[in-house]
C-alpha atoms as a PDB file:
ATOM      1  CA  MET A   1     -26.855 -61.918 -14.486  1.00  0.00           C
ATOM      2  CA  THR A   2     -25.869 -58.411 -15.363  1.00  0.00           C
ATOM      3  CA  GLN A   3     -22.437 -57.165 -14.672  1.00  0.00           C
ATOM      4  CA  SER A   4     -21.301 -53.631 -13.903  1.00  0.00           C
ATOM      5  CA  LYS A   5     -17.839 -52.263 -13.947  1.00  0.00           C
ATOM      6  CA  VAL A   6     -16.551 -50.201 -11.033  1.00  0.00           C
ATOM      7  CA  ARG A   7     -13.431 -48.167 -11.590  1.00  0.00           C
ATOM      8  CA  THR A   8     -10.808 -48.250  -8.832  1.00  0.00           C
ATOM      9  CA  GLY A   9      -7.671 -46.399  -9.793  1.00  0.00           C
ATOM     10  CA  LYS A  10      -6.703 -47.561 -13.292  1.00  0.00           C
ATOM     11  CA  ALA A  11      -8.078 -51.087 -13.039  1.00  0.00           C
ATOM     12  CA  PHE A  12     -11.654 -52.205 -13.568  1.00  0.00           C
ATOM     13  CA  ILE A  13     -13.227 -54.789 -11.293  1.00  0.00           C
ATOM     14  CA  ASN A  14     -16.215 -56.769 -12.458  1.00  0.00           C
ATOM     15  CA  MET A  15     -19.071 -57.024  -9.951  1.00  0.00           C
ATOM     16  CA  LYS A  16     -22.304 -58.897 -10.285  1.00  0.00           C
ATOM     17  CA  ALA A  17     -25.321 -56.642  -9.827  1.00  0.00           C
ATOM     18  CA  ASN A  18     -27.022 -58.878  -7.273  1.00  0.00           C
ATOM     19  CA  GLN A  19     -23.934 -59.504  -5.125  1.00  0.00           C
ATOM     20  CA  ASP A  20     -22.004 -56.944  -3.101  1.00  0.00           C
ATOM     21  CA  SER A  21     -24.024 -54.083  -4.494  1.00  0.00           C
ATOM     22  CA  TYR A  22     -26.907 -51.865  -3.454  1.00  0.00           C
ATOM     23  CA  THR A  23     -30.006 -50.672  -5.188  1.00  0.00           C
ATOM     24  CA  LYS A  24     -30.532 -46.979  -5.868  1.00  0.00           C
ATOM     25  CA  LYS A  25     -33.026 -46.770  -3.011  1.00  0.00           C
ATOM     26  CA  GLU A  26     -30.587 -48.423  -0.592  1.00  0.00           C
ATOM     27  CA  VAL A  27     -27.783 -46.107  -1.718  1.00  0.00           C
ATOM     28  CA  ASP A  28     -30.013 -43.060  -1.174  1.00  0.00           C
ATOM     29  CA  ILE A  29     -30.846 -44.270   2.359  1.00  0.00           C
ATOM     30  CA  LEU A  30     -27.154 -44.870   3.123  1.00  0.00           C
ATOM     31  CA  ILE A  31     -26.218 -41.423   1.800  1.00  0.00           C
ATOM     32  CA  ALA A  32     -28.964 -39.765   3.869  1.00  0.00           C
ATOM     33  CA  LYS A  33     -27.753 -41.543   7.016  1.00  0.00           C
ATOM     34  CA  ALA A  34     -24.123 -40.659   6.238  1.00  0.00           C
ATOM     35  CA  VAL A  35     -25.030 -37.007   5.724  1.00  0.00           C
ATOM     36  CA  GLU A  36     -26.977 -36.927   9.018  1.00  0.00           C
ATOM     37  CA  THR A  37     -24.071 -38.535  10.850  1.00  0.00           C
ATOM     38  CA  ALA A  38     -21.538 -36.211   9.226  1.00  0.00           C
ATOM     39  CA  VAL A  39     -23.608 -33.122  10.066  1.00  0.00           C
ATOM     40  CA  ASP A  40     -24.028 -34.249  13.678  1.00  0.00           C
ATOM     41  CA  GLU A  41     -20.308 -34.920  14.000  1.00  0.00           C
ATOM     42  CA  ALA A  42     -19.512 -31.553  12.413  1.00  0.00           C
ATOM     43  CA  ARG A  43     -21.840 -29.807  14.881  1.00  0.00           C
ATOM     44  CA  LYS A  44     -20.197 -31.565  17.814  1.00  0.00           C
ATOM     45  CA  ILE A  45     -16.727 -30.659  16.559  1.00  0.00           C
ATOM     46  CA  ASP A  46     -17.849 -27.056  15.954  1.00  0.00           C
ATOM     47  CA  GLU A  47     -19.354 -26.757  19.445  1.00  0.00           C
ATOM     48  CA  ALA A  48     -16.217 -28.203  21.044  1.00  0.00           C
ATOM     49  CA  SER A  49     -13.917 -25.899  19.081  1.00  0.00           C
ATOM     50  CA  MET A  50     -16.062 -22.829  19.877  1.00  0.00           C
ATOM     51  CA  ALA A  51     -16.067 -23.733  23.581  1.00  0.00           C
ATOM     52  CA  LYS A  52     -12.270 -24.043  23.530  1.00  0.00           C
ATOM     53  CA  HIS A  53     -11.942 -20.743  21.644  1.00  0.00           C
ATOM     54  CA  ASN A  54     -14.233 -18.946  24.106  1.00  0.00           C
ATOM     55  CA  ARG A  55     -12.322 -20.340  27.078  1.00  0.00           C
ATOM     56  CA  ASP A  56      -8.950 -19.360  25.605  1.00  0.00           C
ATOM     57  CA  ALA A  57     -10.195 -15.896  24.615  1.00  0.00           C
ATOM     58  CA  THR A  58     -11.581 -15.346  28.121  1.00  0.00           C
ATOM     59  CA  VAL A  59      -8.276 -16.276  29.739  1.00  0.00           C
ATOM     60  CA  ILE A  60      -6.319 -14.009  27.376  1.00  0.00           C
ATOM     61  CA  SER A  61      -8.736 -11.129  27.982  1.00  0.00           C
ATOM     62  CA  MET A  62      -8.448 -11.584  31.751  1.00  0.00           C
ATOM     63  CA  ILE A  63      -4.657 -11.530  31.566  1.00  0.00           C
ATOM     64  CA  LEU A  64      -4.609  -8.407  29.372  1.00  0.00           C
ATOM     65  CA  GLY A  65      -7.221  -6.664  31.516  1.00  0.00           C
ATOM     66  CA  PHE A  66      -5.408  -7.424  34.754  1.00  0.00           C
ATOM     67  CA  THR A  67      -2.113  -6.230  33.254  1.00  0.00           C
ATOM     68  CA  ALA A  68      -3.664  -2.972  32.016  1.00  0.00           C
ATOM     69  CA  LEU A  69      -5.319  -2.368  35.391  1.00  0.00           C
ATOM     70  CA  ALA A  70      -2.087  -3.096  37.265  1.00  0.00           C
ATOM     71  CA  LEU A  71      -0.122  -0.680  35.071  1.00  0.00           C
ATOM     72  CA  PHE A  72      -2.803   1.992  35.492  1.00  0.00           C
ATOM     73  CA  VAL A  73      -2.783   1.639  39.281  1.00  0.00           C
ATOM     74  CA  ASP A  74       1.023   1.663  39.315  1.00  0.00           C
ATOM     75  CA  GLY A  75       1.097   4.920  37.328  1.00  0.00           C
ATOM     76  CA  LEU A  76      -1.600   6.490  39.497  1.00  0.00           C
ATOM     77  CA  LEU A  77       0.221   5.609  42.705  1.00  0.00           C
ATOM     78  CA  ARG A  78       3.489   6.982  41.286  1.00  0.00           C
ATOM     79  CA  ILE A  79       1.780  10.246  40.313  1.00  0.00           C
ATOM     80  CA  LEU A  80       0.312  10.541  43.787  1.00  0.00           C
ATOM     81  CA  GLY A  81       3.743   9.928  45.303  1.00  0.00           C
ATOM     82  CA  ILE A  82       2.769   6.784  47.183  1.00  0.00           C
ATOM     83  CA  ILE A  83       5.240   4.610  45.258  1.00  0.00           C
ATOM     84  CA  PRO A  84       8.819   5.906  44.838  1.00  0.00           C
ATOM     85  CA  PRO A  85      10.112   6.905  41.373  1.00  0.00           C
ATOM     86  CA  PHE A  86      11.228   4.209  38.951  1.00  0.00           C
ATOM     87  CA  MET A  87      14.639   4.637  37.289  1.00  0.00           C
ATOM     88  CA  ASP A  88      14.834   8.251  38.505  1.00  0.00           C
ATOM     89  CA  LEU A  89      11.704   9.231  36.567  1.00  0.00           C
ATOM     90  CA  ASP A  90       9.844  11.321  39.094  1.00  0.00           C
ATOM     91  CA  VAL A  91       6.257  11.948  38.010  1.00  0.00           C
ATOM     92  CA  ASP A  92       4.988  12.993  41.429  1.00  0.00           C
ATOM     93  CA  ILE A  93       2.650  15.971  40.927  1.00  0.00           C
ATOM     94  CA  ILE A  94       1.262  16.357  44.430  1.00  0.00           C
ATOM     95  CA  ASP A  95       4.080  18.661  45.599  1.00  0.00           C
ATOM     96  CA  GLN A  96       3.607  20.882  42.551  1.00  0.00           C
ATOM     97  CA  ILE A  97      -0.145  21.059  43.133  1.00  0.00           C
ATOM     98  CA  VAL A  98       0.327  21.885  46.815  1.00  0.00           C
ATOM     99  CA  ASP A  99       2.856  24.642  45.978  1.00  0.00           C
ATOM    100  CA  ARG A 100       0.511  26.212  43.408  1.00  0.00           C
ATOM    101  CA  VAL A 101      -2.491  26.048  45.718  1.00  0.00           C
ATOM    102  CA  GLU A 102      -0.543  27.563  48.623  1.00  0.00           C
ATOM    103  CA  VAL A 103       0.727  30.430  46.449  1.00  0.00           C
ATOM    104  CA  ASP A 104      -2.736  31.086  44.985  1.00  0.00           C
ATOM    105  CA  VAL A 105      -4.458  30.962  48.378  1.00  0.00           C
ATOM    106  CA  ILE A 106      -1.878  33.226  50.024  1.00  0.00           C
ATOM    107  CA  ASP A 107      -2.099  35.730  47.154  1.00  0.00           C
ATOM    108  CA  LYS A 108      -5.883  35.759  47.330  1.00  0.00           C
ATOM    109  CA  LEU A 109      -5.867  36.123  51.092  1.00  0.00           C
ATOM    110  CA  LYS A 110      -3.647  39.191  50.780  1.00  0.00           C
ATOM    111  CA  LEU A 111      -6.261  40.818  48.583  1.00  0.00           C
ATOM    112  CA  VAL A 112      -9.105  40.245  51.049  1.00  0.00           C
ATOM    113  CA  PRO A 113      -9.416  43.039  53.615  1.00  0.00           C
ATOM    114  CA  ASN A 114      -9.286  41.950  57.221  1.00  0.00           C
ATOM    115  CA  PRO A 115     -12.296  43.340  59.065  1.00  0.00           C
ATOM    116  CA  PHE A 116     -10.743  42.658  62.473  1.00  0.00           C
ATOM    117  CA  ARG A 117      -7.791  45.023  62.075  1.00  0.00           C
END
């Protein structure tokens, strides 16, 4: 019987070639099966991690989007004067617009001749 030496760490263990060993063909088959199994497991892990990432990213995007929309609506309503000023920062522009329009319209109406006079 032939003997082969297999190195494990620093020690050598003697093994008989016909016991507890595989032929080259059997080793190739085992490696092919191990590679298939490893690739399938890697795909499953990758799909699971991508699904978790997509779910987490969607939740974060929804939170950020809702926050941005809420702040936009808050600012718009403050500018329109529907919500009172915050910390004495008055950004209401409606009164200023109304004053300018009234002055412009009155000035323009003064320039138009009245045909009924």
